Amino acid sequence: MANDPNDGQLPTLGLLEQLRAESGKLWGASSDTHFRVDKLLRQLANPNLHDIKGNLPFRGELWDRHSETIRWVVSASANVTLAHAALESAIANYPGQRFALRNGIMLIREHKL
């Protein structure tokens, strides 16, 4: 089902956060391994996708539940109308999440929990 909370990328990102936390518990036993795993997890969960072109300034962003960090860039567009449509689609699929539409640092619109 498309609206199944156990389906898709949101649970995957949650599992990555849990894996990072669990690997932190291994601090005394293997701190070097923790740092290597943490670095790889940060690369995997990085919301600043490397292949998004700089001429796509309108970004739809999924924020974490504490509104502290971007979890996922859900859209990038050069057109504000397309950016709003992409954000509407994201909100429809994940209504219980916090989204923001931004142009650089300027907040255009947000969907709060």
N, C-alpha and C. Protein backbone atom coordinates (compact mmCIF):
# COMPACT_ATOMS: atom_id res chain seq x y z
N MET A 1 0.83 -1.17 0.00
CA MET A 1 0.00 0.00 0.00
C MET A 1 0.88 1.25 0.00
N ALA A 2 0.52 2.28 -0.76
CA ALA A 2 1.32 3.49 -0.88
C ALA A 2 1.40 4.26 0.43
N ASN A 3 0.39 4.22 1.26
CA ASN A 3 0.39 4.98 2.51
C ASN A 3 0.81 4.15 3.71
N ASP A 4 1.31 2.95 3.48
CA ASP A 4 1.75 2.07 4.55
C ASP A 4 2.99 2.68 5.21
N PRO A 5 2.95 3.01 6.53
CA PRO A 5 4.09 3.64 7.19
C PRO A 5 5.30 2.73 7.27
N ASN A 6 5.13 1.41 7.03
CA ASN A 6 6.26 0.49 7.06
C ASN A 6 6.85 0.26 5.69
N ASP A 7 6.44 1.06 4.72
CA ASP A 7 6.90 0.89 3.36
C ASP A 7 7.65 2.14 2.93
N GLY A 8 8.69 2.01 2.16
CA GLY A 8 9.34 3.18 1.59
C GLY A 8 10.60 3.60 2.32
N GLN A 9 11.00 4.82 2.03
CA GLN A 9 12.29 5.30 2.48
C GLN A 9 12.30 5.87 3.89
N LEU A 10 11.17 6.34 4.40
CA LEU A 10 11.15 6.90 5.76
C LEU A 10 11.57 5.86 6.80
N PRO A 11 11.02 4.64 6.75
CA PRO A 11 11.49 3.64 7.71
C PRO A 11 12.96 3.30 7.53
N THR A 12 13.45 3.34 6.29
CA THR A 12 14.86 3.06 6.03
C THR A 12 15.73 4.09 6.73
N LEU A 13 15.36 5.37 6.62
CA LEU A 13 16.14 6.40 7.30
C LEU A 13 16.07 6.23 8.81
N GLY A 14 14.90 5.83 9.33
CA GLY A 14 14.78 5.57 10.75
C GLY A 14 15.68 4.44 11.20
N LEU A 15 15.76 3.40 10.39
CA LEU A 15 16.64 2.27 10.71
C LEU A 15 18.10 2.70 10.69
N LEU A 16 18.46 3.58 9.76
CA LEU A 16 19.83 4.08 9.73
C LEU A 16 20.16 4.84 11.00
N GLU A 17 19.20 5.64 11.50
CA GLU A 17 19.42 6.37 12.74
C GLU A 17 19.58 5.40 13.92
N GLN A 18 18.79 4.35 13.93
CA GLN A 18 18.90 3.36 15.01
C GLN A 18 20.23 2.63 14.93
N LEU A 19 20.66 2.29 13.71
CA LEU A 19 21.94 1.60 13.53
C LEU A 19 23.09 2.47 14.01
N ARG A 20 23.03 3.78 13.72
CA ARG A 20 24.07 4.69 14.19
C ARG A 20 24.09 4.73 15.71
N ALA A 21 22.91 4.78 16.33
CA ALA A 21 22.84 4.83 17.79
C ALA A 21 23.38 3.54 18.41
N GLU A 22 23.02 2.40 17.82
CA GLU A 22 23.49 1.12 18.35
C GLU A 22 25.00 0.98 18.20
N SER A 23 25.53 1.44 17.07
CA SER A 23 26.98 1.31 16.89
C SER A 23 27.73 2.22 17.87
N GLY A 24 27.07 3.31 18.31
CA GLY A 24 27.68 4.18 19.31
C GLY A 24 27.85 3.50 20.65
N LYS A 25 27.02 2.50 20.93
CA LYS A 25 27.11 1.76 22.19
C LYS A 25 28.36 0.88 22.23
N LEU A 26 28.97 0.66 21.09
CA LEU A 26 30.18 -0.16 21.02
C LEU A 26 31.45 0.64 21.28
N TRP A 27 31.29 1.86 21.79
CA TRP A 27 32.41 2.78 21.95
C TRP A 27 33.62 2.13 22.62
N GLY A 28 33.45 1.54 23.75
CA GLY A 28 34.58 0.98 24.47
C GLY A 28 35.18 -0.22 23.77
N ALA A 29 34.36 -1.02 23.11
CA ALA A 29 34.84 -2.24 22.48
C ALA A 29 35.54 -1.98 21.15
N SER A 30 35.03 -1.02 20.41
CA SER A 30 35.59 -0.86 19.07
C SER A 30 35.28 0.54 18.52
N SER A 31 35.92 1.56 19.06
CA SER A 31 35.61 2.91 18.64
C SER A 31 36.00 3.17 17.19
N ASP A 32 37.05 2.55 16.70
CA ASP A 32 37.46 2.75 15.31
C ASP A 32 36.38 2.27 14.35
N THR A 33 35.80 1.12 14.65
CA THR A 33 34.72 0.58 13.82
C THR A 33 33.51 1.51 13.87
N HIS A 34 33.20 2.03 15.04
CA HIS A 34 32.08 2.96 15.17
C HIS A 34 32.27 4.15 14.24
N PHE A 35 33.46 4.75 14.24
CA PHE A 35 33.70 5.93 13.40
C PHE A 35 33.60 5.60 11.92
N ARG A 36 34.07 4.44 11.52
CA ARG A 36 33.97 4.05 10.09
C ARG A 36 32.52 3.81 9.69
N VAL A 37 31.77 3.11 10.54
CA VAL A 37 30.35 2.85 10.24
C VAL A 37 29.56 4.16 10.25
N ASP A 38 29.83 5.02 11.22
CA ASP A 38 29.13 6.30 11.30
C ASP A 38 29.40 7.15 10.06
N LYS A 39 30.62 7.18 9.58
CA LYS A 39 30.95 7.95 8.38
C LYS A 39 30.18 7.42 7.17
N LEU A 40 30.11 6.11 7.02
CA LEU A 40 29.36 5.52 5.91
C LEU A 40 27.87 5.80 6.02
N LEU A 41 27.32 5.72 7.23
CA LEU A 41 25.90 6.01 7.42
C LEU A 41 25.58 7.46 7.12
N ARG A 42 26.46 8.36 7.48
CA ARG A 42 26.25 9.78 7.18
C ARG A 42 26.26 10.03 5.67
N GLN A 43 27.14 9.34 4.96
CA GLN A 43 27.16 9.47 3.50
C GLN A 43 25.87 8.95 2.89
N LEU A 44 25.38 7.84 3.39
CA LEU A 44 24.17 7.24 2.87
C LEU A 44 22.93 8.08 3.16
N ALA A 45 22.86 8.67 4.35
CA ALA A 45 21.68 9.44 4.75
C ALA A 45 21.79 10.92 4.39
N ASN A 46 22.83 11.33 3.71
CA ASN A 46 23.05 12.74 3.38
C ASN A 46 21.93 13.29 2.51
N PRO A 47 21.18 14.31 3.00
CA PRO A 47 20.09 14.87 2.20
C PRO A 47 20.57 15.79 1.09
N ASN A 48 21.84 16.16 1.11
CA ASN A 48 22.39 17.04 0.08
C ASN A 48 22.90 16.18 -1.07
N LEU A 49 21.98 15.76 -1.88
CA LEU A 49 22.31 14.86 -2.96
C LEU A 49 23.32 15.49 -3.91
N HIS A 50 24.32 14.73 -4.29
CA HIS A 50 25.40 15.26 -5.09
C HIS A 50 25.00 15.51 -6.55
N ASP A 51 23.97 14.86 -7.02
CA ASP A 51 23.60 15.00 -8.42
C ASP A 51 22.51 16.03 -8.67
N ILE A 52 22.10 16.79 -7.65
CA ILE A 52 21.12 17.85 -7.85
C ILE A 52 21.86 19.07 -8.39
N LYS A 53 21.43 19.54 -9.53
CA LYS A 53 22.10 20.66 -10.17
C LYS A 53 21.85 21.95 -9.41
N GLY A 54 22.81 22.86 -9.47
CA GLY A 54 22.71 24.13 -8.78
C GLY A 54 21.64 25.05 -9.34
N ASN A 55 21.19 24.79 -10.57
CA ASN A 55 20.16 25.65 -11.15
C ASN A 55 18.75 25.18 -10.81
N LEU A 56 18.62 24.36 -9.78
CA LEU A 56 17.32 23.90 -9.29
C LEU A 56 17.16 24.42 -7.86
N PRO A 57 16.84 25.70 -7.72
CA PRO A 57 16.90 26.33 -6.40
C PRO A 57 15.74 26.00 -5.46
N PHE A 58 14.60 25.55 -5.98
CA PHE A 58 13.44 25.29 -5.13
C PHE A 58 13.52 23.85 -4.63
N ARG A 59 13.69 23.70 -3.32
CA ARG A 59 13.87 22.37 -2.72
C ARG A 59 12.72 22.04 -1.79
N GLY A 60 12.15 20.87 -1.98
CA GLY A 60 11.19 20.33 -1.04
C GLY A 60 11.96 19.45 -0.07
N GLU A 61 11.84 19.71 1.22
CA GLU A 61 12.65 19.02 2.21
C GLU A 61 11.78 18.34 3.26
N LEU A 62 12.15 17.15 3.62
CA LEU A 62 11.53 16.43 4.74
C LEU A 62 12.46 16.63 5.94
N TRP A 63 11.90 17.17 7.03
CA TRP A 63 12.69 17.45 8.23
C TRP A 63 12.46 16.37 9.27
N ASP A 64 13.40 16.22 10.19
CA ASP A 64 13.22 15.24 11.26
C ASP A 64 12.12 15.71 12.20
N ARG A 65 11.70 14.85 13.10
CA ARG A 65 10.56 15.15 13.96
C ARG A 65 10.83 16.28 14.94
N HIS A 66 12.10 16.60 15.18
CA HIS A 66 12.45 17.68 16.10
C HIS A 66 12.74 18.99 15.36
N SER A 67 12.57 18.99 14.04
CA SER A 67 12.81 20.17 13.20
C SER A 67 14.23 20.69 13.35
N GLU A 68 15.19 19.76 13.46
CA GLU A 68 16.58 20.16 13.62
C GLU A 68 17.40 19.94 12.35
N THR A 69 17.10 18.87 11.62
CA THR A 69 17.91 18.57 10.43
C THR A 69 17.02 18.10 9.29
N ILE A 70 17.53 18.30 8.09
CA ILE A 70 16.86 17.80 6.90
C ILE A 70 17.15 16.31 6.79
N ARG A 71 16.10 15.51 6.69
CA ARG A 71 16.29 14.07 6.53
C ARG A 71 16.41 13.68 5.07
N TRP A 72 15.69 14.44 4.21
CA TRP A 72 15.60 13.99 2.83
C TRP A 72 15.17 15.16 1.96
N VAL A 73 15.85 15.38 0.85
CA VAL A 73 15.40 16.34 -0.15
C VAL A 73 14.46 15.57 -1.08
N VAL A 74 13.16 15.90 -1.03
CA VAL A 74 12.17 15.14 -1.79
C VAL A 74 11.96 15.68 -3.19
N SER A 75 12.36 16.93 -3.43
CA SER A 75 12.23 17.49 -4.78
C SER A 75 13.19 18.64 -4.96
N ALA A 76 13.55 18.87 -6.20
CA ALA A 76 14.37 20.02 -6.59
C ALA A 76 13.86 20.48 -7.94
N SER A 77 13.60 21.78 -8.05
CA SER A 77 12.99 22.29 -9.27
C SER A 77 13.47 23.71 -9.56
N ALA A 78 13.45 24.06 -10.84
CA ALA A 78 13.75 25.44 -11.24
C ALA A 78 12.47 26.26 -11.31
N ASN A 79 11.33 25.62 -11.15
CA ASN A 79 10.03 26.27 -11.29
C ASN A 79 9.27 26.16 -9.98
N VAL A 80 8.82 27.30 -9.43
CA VAL A 80 8.14 27.29 -8.14
C VAL A 80 6.80 26.56 -8.20
N THR A 81 6.11 26.61 -9.33
CA THR A 81 4.83 25.91 -9.45
C THR A 81 5.04 24.40 -9.37
N LEU A 82 6.06 23.90 -10.04
CA LEU A 82 6.38 22.46 -9.94
C LEU A 82 6.83 22.09 -8.53
N ALA A 83 7.55 22.99 -7.90
CA ALA A 83 8.00 22.73 -6.54
C ALA A 83 6.82 22.60 -5.58
N HIS A 84 5.81 23.48 -5.73
CA HIS A 84 4.61 23.38 -4.89
C HIS A 84 3.88 22.06 -5.15
N ALA A 85 3.77 21.65 -6.42
CA ALA A 85 3.09 20.40 -6.76
C ALA A 85 3.82 19.20 -6.17
N ALA A 86 5.14 19.21 -6.23
CA ALA A 86 5.92 18.11 -5.66
C ALA A 86 5.75 18.06 -4.14
N LEU A 87 5.70 19.22 -3.51
CA LEU A 87 5.49 19.26 -2.06
C LEU A 87 4.11 18.75 -1.69
N GLU A 88 3.10 19.13 -2.46
CA GLU A 88 1.74 18.63 -2.22
C GLU A 88 1.71 17.10 -2.29
N SER A 89 2.40 16.54 -3.26
CA SER A 89 2.44 15.08 -3.40
C SER A 89 3.13 14.43 -2.20
N ALA A 90 4.22 15.02 -1.76
CA ALA A 90 4.93 14.48 -0.59
C ALA A 90 4.05 14.53 0.65
N ILE A 91 3.36 15.65 0.84
CA ILE A 91 2.47 15.79 2.00
C ILE A 91 1.33 14.78 1.94
N ALA A 92 0.78 14.56 0.74
CA ALA A 92 -0.31 13.59 0.58
C ALA A 92 0.16 12.18 0.93
N ASN A 93 1.41 11.84 0.60
CA ASN A 93 1.92 10.50 0.87
C ASN A 93 2.39 10.33 2.30
N TYR A 94 2.86 11.39 2.93
CA TYR A 94 3.36 11.33 4.31
C TYR A 94 2.81 12.51 5.11
N PRO A 95 1.50 12.54 5.38
CA PRO A 95 0.89 13.71 6.03
C PRO A 95 1.37 13.96 7.46
N GLY A 96 1.91 12.98 8.11
CA GLY A 96 2.36 13.13 9.49
C GLY A 96 3.80 13.59 9.61
N GLN A 97 4.37 14.10 8.55
CA GLN A 97 5.76 14.54 8.55
C GLN A 97 5.85 16.05 8.39
N ARG A 98 7.00 16.61 8.74
CA ARG A 98 7.23 18.05 8.57
C ARG A 98 7.98 18.27 7.26
N PHE A 99 7.41 19.12 6.41
CA PHE A 99 8.03 19.44 5.13
C PHE A 99 8.25 20.94 5.03
N ALA A 100 9.22 21.33 4.24
CA ALA A 100 9.45 22.74 3.96
C ALA A 100 9.78 22.89 2.48
N LEU A 101 9.32 23.98 1.91
CA LEU A 101 9.68 24.36 0.54
C LEU A 101 10.54 25.59 0.66
N ARG A 102 11.76 25.52 0.13
CA ARG A 102 12.69 26.62 0.29
C ARG A 102 13.36 26.97 -1.03
N ASN A 103 13.76 28.22 -1.10
CA ASN A 103 14.60 28.70 -2.19
C ASN A 103 15.87 29.20 -1.50
N GLY A 104 16.91 28.38 -1.51
CA GLY A 104 18.10 28.69 -0.73
C GLY A 104 17.74 28.65 0.75
N ILE A 105 18.00 29.75 1.46
CA ILE A 105 17.66 29.81 2.88
C ILE A 105 16.27 30.39 3.12
N MET A 106 15.65 30.91 2.06
CA MET A 106 14.33 31.53 2.20
C MET A 106 13.22 30.47 2.27
N LEU A 107 12.47 30.47 3.35
CA LEU A 107 11.34 29.56 3.52
C LEU A 107 10.15 30.10 2.74
N ILE A 108 9.64 29.30 1.82
CA ILE A 108 8.48 29.68 1.02
C ILE A 108 7.20 29.14 1.65
N ARG A 109 7.28 27.91 2.16
CA ARG A 109 6.09 27.25 2.70
C ARG A 109 6.55 26.11 3.59
N GLU A 110 5.73 25.80 4.61
CA GLU A 110 6.04 24.63 5.41
C GLU A 110 4.77 23.91 5.82
N HIS A 111 4.91 22.62 6.03
CA HIS A 111 3.84 21.77 6.51
C HIS A 111 4.32 21.20 7.83
N LYS A 112 3.68 21.62 8.93
CA LYS A 112 4.08 21.16 10.26
C LYS A 112 3.20 20.00 10.68
N LEU A 113 3.68 19.25 11.64
CA LEU A 113 2.94 18.13 12.20
C LEU A 113 1.70 18.58 12.90
